[in-house]
Amino acid sequence: MNKQLLIQKIKSLTKAYYKMPIGKRNIVPLEEIKNLINEYLEKHPQDTDIRLRLVMLEYTPPWEDPEQLGKYLNDIFKYDPNNIYAILILADVENFFWGEITDLLFKRLSNLSSKDPEIMSMIELAKAWYFEEKGNDKLYEKHLLNSIKYCDKHVKNYRALANFYAEKGEKSKAKKFAKKAINNIKEIFTQGSSITDVTDVENFFNEFFKGTCTDKDNLDSLQELAKE
């Protein structure tokens, strides 16, 4: 199966999975996607796009296994140790599942560079997570502001700063950054939202790094901050 046909099949199986009623979904379509990807990777072991798609598949409930996510990412690092997308995803894995970014990963993030301001913005956001867990408010704030300097079209950096300033009692700043975050939102997820490709890496970054795609709960919390 060639790559184009594989992606078409992934989209077809994604549609089949999400057509099932919530609470009655079985993972057969997801398992079929995984099998198809693994078969493809046996012949094309260094196709990073497809390896990243396998990582995205593992993020899909009910799997979401951080150890398996780490193994899939390490398969990329074996031949491309400085892959920016894989390192950023690993940052999310460590931050979300393990609760902190390791010193080793922070060093890797600090060594990354890109001509794409959106990527640099996401790198600065991940570095901010590191200092958030360290309790270093000054550097946490600094890297969030750096993230905005690189790209002022994202939501997560503004939202994080809005919450940060609200906690510090700086209501005017919190309101200002919350409004900026709201203006940058492009899509609100609902239960009826259509997911066309469960392995789409761009969707992942739009939700978990850029924040331009978010849910109503996040929007509501931002609107509350913008009122204060």
C-alpha atoms as a PDB file:
ATOM      1  CA  MET A   1       0.000   0.000   0.000  1.00  0.00           C
ATOM      2  CA  ASN A   2       1.418   3.393  -0.964  1.00  0.00           C
ATOM      3  CA  LYS A   3       1.349   6.389   1.373  1.00  0.00           C
ATOM      4  CA  GLN A   4      -1.543   8.196  -0.297  1.00  0.00           C
ATOM      5  CA  LEU A   5      -3.723   5.101  -0.155  1.00  0.00           C
ATOM      6  CA  LEU A   6      -2.752   4.527   3.479  1.00  0.00           C
ATOM      7  CA  ILE A   7      -3.866   8.011   4.473  1.00  0.00           C
ATOM      8  CA  GLN A   8      -7.139   7.577   2.600  1.00  0.00           C
ATOM      9  CA  LYS A   9      -7.733   4.320   4.466  1.00  0.00           C
ATOM     10  CA  ILE A  10      -6.917   5.995   7.791  1.00  0.00           C
ATOM     11  CA  LYS A  11      -9.532   8.685   7.103  1.00  0.00           C
ATOM     12  CA  SER A  12     -12.113   6.057   6.153  1.00  0.00           C
ATOM     13  CA  LEU A  13     -11.504   4.087   9.344  1.00  0.00           C
ATOM     14  CA  THR A  14     -11.539   7.285  11.417  1.00  0.00           C
ATOM     15  CA  LYS A  15     -14.976   8.080  10.011  1.00  0.00           C
ATOM     16  CA  ALA A  16     -16.178   4.564  10.828  1.00  0.00           C
ATOM     17  CA  TYR A  17     -14.923   4.886  14.408  1.00  0.00           C
ATOM     18  CA  TYR A  18     -16.549   8.243  15.103  1.00  0.00           C
ATOM     19  CA  LYS A  19     -19.844   7.210  13.530  1.00  0.00           C
ATOM     20  CA  MET A  20     -20.297   4.832  16.453  1.00  0.00           C
ATOM     21  CA  PRO A  21     -22.310   6.287  19.356  1.00  0.00           C
ATOM     22  CA  ILE A  22     -20.231   7.591  22.263  1.00  0.00           C
ATOM     23  CA  GLY A  23     -20.051   4.882  24.908  1.00  0.00           C
ATOM     24  CA  LYS A  24     -20.551   2.138  22.340  1.00  0.00           C
ATOM     25  CA  ARG A  25     -17.407   2.609  20.299  1.00  0.00           C
ATOM     26  CA  ASN A  26     -15.091  -0.355  19.875  1.00  0.00           C
ATOM     27  CA  ILE A  27     -11.447  -0.032  18.945  1.00  0.00           C
ATOM     28  CA  VAL A  28     -11.527  -2.346  15.927  1.00  0.00           C
ATOM     29  CA  PRO A  29     -11.127   0.543  13.409  1.00  0.00           C
ATOM     30  CA  LEU A  30      -8.266   1.973  15.487  1.00  0.00           C
ATOM     31  CA  GLU A  31      -6.545  -1.404  15.662  1.00  0.00           C
ATOM     32  CA  GLU A  32      -6.890  -1.741  11.896  1.00  0.00           C
ATOM     33  CA  ILE A  33      -5.259   1.689  11.453  1.00  0.00           C
ATOM     34  CA  LYS A  34      -2.389   0.616  13.709  1.00  0.00           C
ATOM     35  CA  ASN A  35      -1.895  -2.613  11.765  1.00  0.00           C
ATOM     36  CA  LEU A  36      -1.880  -0.783   8.429  1.00  0.00           C
ATOM     37  CA  ILE A  37       0.651   1.768   9.691  1.00  0.00           C
ATOM     38  CA  ASN A  38       2.944  -0.917  11.091  1.00  0.00           C
ATOM     39  CA  GLU A  39       2.817  -2.837   7.815  1.00  0.00           C
ATOM     40  CA  TYR A  40       3.748   0.339   5.936  1.00  0.00           C
ATOM     41  CA  LEU A  41       6.592   1.134   8.327  1.00  0.00           C
ATOM     42  CA  GLU A  42       8.140  -2.306   7.794  1.00  0.00           C
ATOM     43  CA  LYS A  43       8.881  -1.167   4.244  1.00  0.00           C
ATOM     44  CA  HIS A  44       9.415   2.533   5.007  1.00  0.00           C
ATOM     45  CA  PRO A  45      10.980   2.629   8.506  1.00  0.00           C
ATOM     46  CA  GLN A  46      12.183   6.235   8.237  1.00  0.00           C
ATOM     47  CA  ASP A  47       8.957   7.833   7.073  1.00  0.00           C
ATOM     48  CA  THR A  48       8.668  10.298   9.940  1.00  0.00           C
ATOM     49  CA  ASP A  49       5.255  11.590   8.880  1.00  0.00           C
ATOM     50  CA  ILE A  50       3.767   8.113   9.254  1.00  0.00           C
ATOM     51  CA  ARG A  51       5.650   7.448  12.493  1.00  0.00           C
ATOM     52  CA  LEU A  52       4.184  10.658  13.918  1.00  0.00           C
ATOM     53  CA  ARG A  53       0.758   9.462  12.828  1.00  0.00           C
ATOM     54  CA  LEU A  54       1.316   6.300  14.859  1.00  0.00           C
ATOM     55  CA  VAL A  55       2.118   8.500  17.860  1.00  0.00           C
ATOM     56  CA  MET A  56      -1.118  10.446  17.332  1.00  0.00           C
ATOM     57  CA  LEU A  57      -3.063   7.190  17.175  1.00  0.00           C
ATOM     58  CA  GLU A  58      -1.662   6.222  20.585  1.00  0.00           C
ATOM     59  CA  TYR A  59      -3.003   9.507  21.977  1.00  0.00           C
ATOM     60  CA  THR A  60      -6.524   8.363  21.091  1.00  0.00           C
ATOM     61  CA  PRO A  61      -8.674   7.053  23.972  1.00  0.00           C
ATOM     62  CA  PRO A  62      -8.814   4.377  25.269  1.00  0.00           C
ATOM     63  CA  TRP A  63      -5.079   3.893  24.641  1.00  0.00           C
ATOM     64  CA  GLU A  64      -3.180   7.019  25.755  1.00  0.00           C
ATOM     65  CA  ASP A  65      -0.253   4.962  27.072  1.00  0.00           C
ATOM     66  CA  PRO A  66       2.684   7.294  27.891  1.00  0.00           C
ATOM     67  CA  GLU A  67       5.210   4.454  27.867  1.00  0.00           C
ATOM     68  CA  GLN A  68       4.097   3.350  24.413  1.00  0.00           C
ATOM     69  CA  LEU A  69       4.145   6.967  23.255  1.00  0.00           C
ATOM     70  CA  GLY A  70       7.744   7.197  24.453  1.00  0.00           C
ATOM     71  CA  LYS A  71       8.691   4.048  22.540  1.00  0.00           C
ATOM     72  CA  TYR A  72       7.179   5.348  19.317  1.00  0.00           C
ATOM     73  CA  LEU A  73       8.975   8.676  19.707  1.00  0.00           C
ATOM     74  CA  ASN A  74      12.272   6.905  20.428  1.00  0.00           C
ATOM     75  CA  ASP A  75      11.865   5.041  17.140  1.00  0.00           C
ATOM     76  CA  ILE A  76      12.068   8.457  15.458  1.00  0.00           C
ATOM     77  CA  PHE A  77      14.970   9.654  17.600  1.00  0.00           C
ATOM     78  CA  LYS A  78      17.028   6.620  16.556  1.00  0.00           C
ATOM     79  CA  TYR A  79      17.504   8.117  13.073  1.00  0.00           C
ATOM     80  CA  ASP A  80      16.458  11.749  13.661  1.00  0.00           C
ATOM     81  CA  PRO A  81      17.426  12.723  17.235  1.00  0.00           C
ATOM     82  CA  ASN A  82      16.637  16.415  16.751  1.00  0.00           C
ATOM     83  CA  ASN A  83      13.232  16.091  15.151  1.00  0.00           C
ATOM     84  CA  ILE A  84      11.401  19.169  16.438  1.00  0.00           C
ATOM     85  CA  TYR A  85       7.887  17.754  16.228  1.00  0.00           C
ATOM     86  CA  ALA A  86       8.852  14.581  18.081  1.00  0.00           C
ATOM     87  CA  ILE A  87      10.640  16.551  20.809  1.00  0.00           C
ATOM     88  CA  LEU A  88       7.643  18.855  21.264  1.00  0.00           C
ATOM     89  CA  ILE A  89       5.303  15.877  21.487  1.00  0.00           C
ATOM     90  CA  LEU A  90       7.616  14.307  24.072  1.00  0.00           C
ATOM     91  CA  ALA A  91       7.385  17.559  26.040  1.00  0.00           C
ATOM     92  CA  ASP A  92       3.605  17.208  26.082  1.00  0.00           C
ATOM     93  CA  VAL A  93       3.891  13.554  27.154  1.00  0.00           C
ATOM     94  CA  GLU A  94       6.192  14.431  30.041  1.00  0.00           C
ATOM     95  CA  ASN A  95       4.191  17.485  31.083  1.00  0.00           C
ATOM     96  CA  PHE A  96       0.731  15.928  30.812  1.00  0.00           C
ATOM     97  CA  PHE A  97       1.322  12.317  31.852  1.00  0.00           C
ATOM     98  CA  TRP A  98       4.320  12.592  34.178  1.00  0.00           C
ATOM     99  CA  GLY A  99       3.651  16.081  35.541  1.00  0.00           C
ATOM    100  CA  GLU A 100       7.026  17.616  34.721  1.00  0.00           C
ATOM    101  CA  ILE A 101       9.564  18.072  31.952  1.00  0.00           C
ATOM    102  CA  THR A 102      12.917  16.484  32.725  1.00  0.00           C
ATOM    103  CA  ASP A 103      16.164  18.443  32.820  1.00  0.00           C
ATOM    104  CA  LEU A 104      17.404  16.371  29.867  1.00  0.00           C
ATOM    105  CA  LEU A 105      14.412  17.253  27.715  1.00  0.00           C
ATOM    106  CA  PHE A 106      14.668  20.925  28.668  1.00  0.00           C
ATOM    107  CA  LYS A 107      18.253  20.908  27.353  1.00  0.00           C
ATOM    108  CA  ARG A 108      17.013  19.391  24.099  1.00  0.00           C
ATOM    109  CA  LEU A 109      14.299  22.039  23.829  1.00  0.00           C
ATOM    110  CA  SER A 110      16.883  24.762  24.478  1.00  0.00           C
ATOM    111  CA  ASN A 111      19.033  23.489  21.616  1.00  0.00           C
ATOM    112  CA  LEU A 112      16.199  23.584  19.087  1.00  0.00           C
ATOM    113  CA  SER A 113      15.979  26.290  16.458  1.00  0.00           C
ATOM    114  CA  SER A 114      13.675  26.995  13.544  1.00  0.00           C
ATOM    115  CA  LYS A 115      13.045  29.744  11.022  1.00  0.00           C
ATOM    116  CA  ASP A 116       9.320  29.165  11.531  1.00  0.00           C
ATOM    117  CA  PRO A 117       8.074  31.597  14.221  1.00  0.00           C
ATOM    118  CA  GLU A 118       5.124  29.342  15.062  1.00  0.00           C
ATOM    119  CA  ILE A 119       7.470  26.480  15.886  1.00  0.00           C
ATOM    120  CA  MET A 120       9.682  28.748  17.970  1.00  0.00           C
ATOM    121  CA  SER A 121       6.565  29.923  19.802  1.00  0.00           C
ATOM    122  CA  MET A 122       5.658  26.331  20.655  1.00  0.00           C
ATOM    123  CA  ILE A 123       9.212  25.599  21.821  1.00  0.00           C
ATOM    124  CA  GLU A 124       9.067  28.590  24.186  1.00  0.00           C
ATOM    125  CA  LEU A 125       5.708  27.378  25.505  1.00  0.00           C
ATOM    126  CA  ALA A 126       7.187  23.952  26.288  1.00  0.00           C
ATOM    127  CA  LYS A 127      10.151  25.612  28.032  1.00  0.00           C
ATOM    128  CA  ALA A 128       7.659  27.624  30.104  1.00  0.00           C
ATOM    129  CA  TRP A 129       6.063  24.346  31.282  1.00  0.00           C
ATOM    130  CA  TYR A 130       9.446  23.304  32.647  1.00  0.00           C
ATOM    131  CA  PHE A 131       9.728  26.409  34.820  1.00  0.00           C
ATOM    132  CA  GLU A 132       6.083  26.231  35.881  1.00  0.00           C
ATOM    133  CA  GLU A 133       6.751  22.890  37.581  1.00  0.00           C
ATOM    134  CA  LYS A 134       9.966  24.281  39.078  1.00  0.00           C
ATOM    135  CA  GLY A 135       7.958  27.099  40.637  1.00  0.00           C
ATOM    136  CA  ASN A 136      10.121  29.706  38.912  1.00  0.00           C
ATOM    137  CA  ASP A 137       7.545  32.404  38.172  1.00  0.00           C
ATOM    138  CA  LYS A 138      10.039  34.812  36.634  1.00  0.00           C
ATOM    139  CA  LEU A 139      11.297  32.385  33.978  1.00  0.00           C
ATOM    140  CA  TYR A 140       7.821  30.916  33.460  1.00  0.00           C
ATOM    141  CA  GLU A 141       6.520  34.389  32.610  1.00  0.00           C
ATOM    142  CA  LYS A 142       9.595  35.169  30.501  1.00  0.00           C
ATOM    143  CA  HIS A 143       9.193  32.129  28.239  1.00  0.00           C
ATOM    144  CA  LEU A 144       5.460  32.694  27.824  1.00  0.00           C
ATOM    145  CA  LEU A 145       6.152  36.277  26.746  1.00  0.00           C
ATOM    146  CA  ASN A 146       8.854  34.959  24.391  1.00  0.00           C
ATOM    147  CA  SER A 147       6.288  32.557  22.947  1.00  0.00           C
ATOM    148  CA  ILE A 148       3.997  35.503  22.174  1.00  0.00           C
ATOM    149  CA  LYS A 149       6.863  37.503  20.679  1.00  0.00           C
ATOM    150  CA  TYR A 150       7.482  34.704  18.198  1.00  0.00           C
ATOM    151  CA  CYS A 151       3.793  34.297  17.362  1.00  0.00           C
ATOM    152  CA  ASP A 152       0.877  36.372  18.608  1.00  0.00           C
ATOM    153  CA  LYS A 153      -1.714  34.227  16.821  1.00  0.00           C
ATOM    154  CA  HIS A 154      -1.827  31.360  19.322  1.00  0.00           C
ATOM    155  CA  VAL A 155      -4.074  30.879  22.339  1.00  0.00           C
ATOM    156  CA  LYS A 156      -2.232  28.696  24.871  1.00  0.00           C
ATOM    157  CA  ASN A 157       0.508  31.229  25.575  1.00  0.00           C
ATOM    158  CA  TYR A 158      -1.977  34.048  26.124  1.00  0.00           C
ATOM    159  CA  ARG A 159      -4.256  31.830  28.226  1.00  0.00           C
ATOM    160  CA  ALA A 160      -1.374  30.695  30.426  1.00  0.00           C
ATOM    161  CA  LEU A 161      -0.360  34.296  31.049  1.00  0.00           C
ATOM    162  CA  ALA A 162      -3.959  35.336  31.742  1.00  0.00           C
ATOM    163  CA  ASN A 163      -4.204  32.634  34.418  1.00  0.00           C
ATOM    164  CA  PHE A 164      -0.760  33.532  35.750  1.00  0.00           C
ATOM    165  CA  TYR A 165      -1.640  37.207  36.182  1.00  0.00           C
ATOM    166  CA  ALA A 166      -5.050  36.368  37.645  1.00  0.00           C
ATOM    167  CA  GLU A 167      -3.357  34.253  40.320  1.00  0.00           C
ATOM    168  CA  LYS A 168      -1.037  37.171  41.074  1.00  0.00           C
ATOM    169  CA  GLY A 169      -4.003  39.519  41.451  1.00  0.00           C
ATOM    170  CA  GLU A 170      -3.028  41.533  38.348  1.00  0.00           C
ATOM    171  CA  LYS A 171      -6.576  41.678  37.008  1.00  0.00           C
ATOM    172  CA  SER A 172      -6.015  44.211  34.227  1.00  0.00           C
ATOM    173  CA  LYS A 173      -3.210  42.112  32.719  1.00  0.00           C
ATOM    174  CA  ALA A 174      -5.248  38.925  33.098  1.00  0.00           C
ATOM    175  CA  LYS A 175      -8.174  40.567  31.299  1.00  0.00           C
ATOM    176  CA  LYS A 176      -5.936  41.862  28.507  1.00  0.00           C
ATOM    177  CA  PHE A 177      -4.332  38.472  27.789  1.00  0.00           C
ATOM    178  CA  ALA A 178      -7.628  36.598  28.101  1.00  0.00           C
ATOM    179  CA  LYS A 179      -9.178  38.830  25.435  1.00  0.00           C
ATOM    180  CA  LYS A 180      -6.190  38.228  23.157  1.00  0.00           C
ATOM    181  CA  ALA A 181      -6.573  34.477  23.641  1.00  0.00           C
ATOM    182  CA  ILE A 182     -10.289  34.565  22.811  1.00  0.00           C
ATOM    183  CA  ASN A 183      -9.663  36.543  19.622  1.00  0.00           C
ATOM    184  CA  ASN A 184      -7.186  33.898  18.415  1.00  0.00           C
ATOM    185  CA  ILE A 185      -9.528  30.907  18.806  1.00  0.00           C
ATOM    186  CA  LYS A 186     -10.426  29.433  15.427  1.00  0.00           C
ATOM    187  CA  GLU A 187     -12.539  26.405  16.329  1.00  0.00           C
ATOM    188  CA  ILE A 188     -14.623  25.253  19.298  1.00  0.00           C
ATOM    189  CA  PHE A 189     -14.901  21.505  19.766  1.00  0.00           C
ATOM    190  CA  THR A 190     -18.312  20.027  20.532  1.00  0.00           C
ATOM    191  CA  GLN A 191     -19.521  16.441  20.896  1.00  0.00           C
ATOM    192  CA  GLY A 192     -20.713  16.676  17.320  1.00  0.00           C
ATOM    193  CA  SER A 193     -17.378  17.959  15.992  1.00  0.00           C
ATOM    194  CA  SER A 194     -16.206  16.037  12.951  1.00  0.00           C
ATOM    195  CA  ILE A 195     -12.820  14.302  13.271  1.00  0.00           C
ATOM    196  CA  THR A 196     -11.691  13.258   9.811  1.00  0.00           C
ATOM    197  CA  ASP A 197      -8.236  11.863  10.615  1.00  0.00           C
ATOM    198  CA  VAL A 198      -7.374  10.564  14.064  1.00  0.00           C
ATOM    199  CA  THR A 199      -3.670  10.570  13.146  1.00  0.00           C
ATOM    200  CA  ASP A 200      -3.440  14.192  11.973  1.00  0.00           C
ATOM    201  CA  VAL A 201      -0.405  15.784  13.656  1.00  0.00           C
ATOM    202  CA  GLU A 202      -1.496  19.323  12.793  1.00  0.00           C
ATOM    203  CA  ASN A 203      -4.728  18.861  14.740  1.00  0.00           C
ATOM    204  CA  PHE A 204      -2.669  17.833  17.768  1.00  0.00           C
ATOM    205  CA  PHE A 205      -0.519  20.960  17.669  1.00  0.00           C
ATOM    206  CA  ASN A 206      -3.527  23.184  17.033  1.00  0.00           C
ATOM    207  CA  GLU A 207      -5.157  21.866  20.203  1.00  0.00           C
ATOM    208  CA  PHE A 208      -2.318  21.206  22.640  1.00  0.00           C
ATOM    209  CA  PHE A 209       0.326  23.783  21.698  1.00  0.00           C
ATOM    210  CA  LYS A 210      -1.294  26.561  19.724  1.00  0.00           C
ATOM    211  CA  GLY A 211      -4.665  26.220  21.416  1.00  0.00           C
ATOM    212  CA  THR A 212      -6.427  27.691  18.394  1.00  0.00           C
ATOM    213  CA  CYS A 213      -8.798  24.715  18.522  1.00  0.00           C
ATOM    214  CA  THR A 214     -10.308  24.299  21.978  1.00  0.00           C
ATOM    215  CA  ASP A 215     -13.441  23.243  23.840  1.00  0.00           C
ATOM    216  CA  LYS A 216     -16.254  25.256  25.379  1.00  0.00           C
ATOM    217  CA  ASP A 217     -14.947  24.843  28.930  1.00  0.00           C
ATOM    218  CA  ASN A 218     -11.693  26.586  28.007  1.00  0.00           C
ATOM    219  CA  LEU A 219     -13.602  29.314  26.204  1.00  0.00           C
ATOM    220  CA  ASP A 220     -15.876  29.839  29.213  1.00  0.00           C
ATOM    221  CA  SER A 221     -12.912  30.160  31.587  1.00  0.00           C
ATOM    222  CA  LEU A 222     -11.299  32.709  29.288  1.00  0.00           C
ATOM    223  CA  GLN A 223     -14.517  34.695  29.069  1.00  0.00           C
ATOM    224  CA  GLU A 224     -14.692  34.808  32.862  1.00  0.00           C
ATOM    225  CA  LEU A 225     -11.140  36.158  33.029  1.00  0.00           C
ATOM    226  CA  ALA A 226     -11.941  38.734  30.338  1.00  0.00           C
ATOM    227  CA  LYS A 227     -14.860  40.064  32.422  1.00  0.00           C
ATOM    228  CA  GLU A 228     -12.874  40.617  35.598  1.00  0.00           C
END
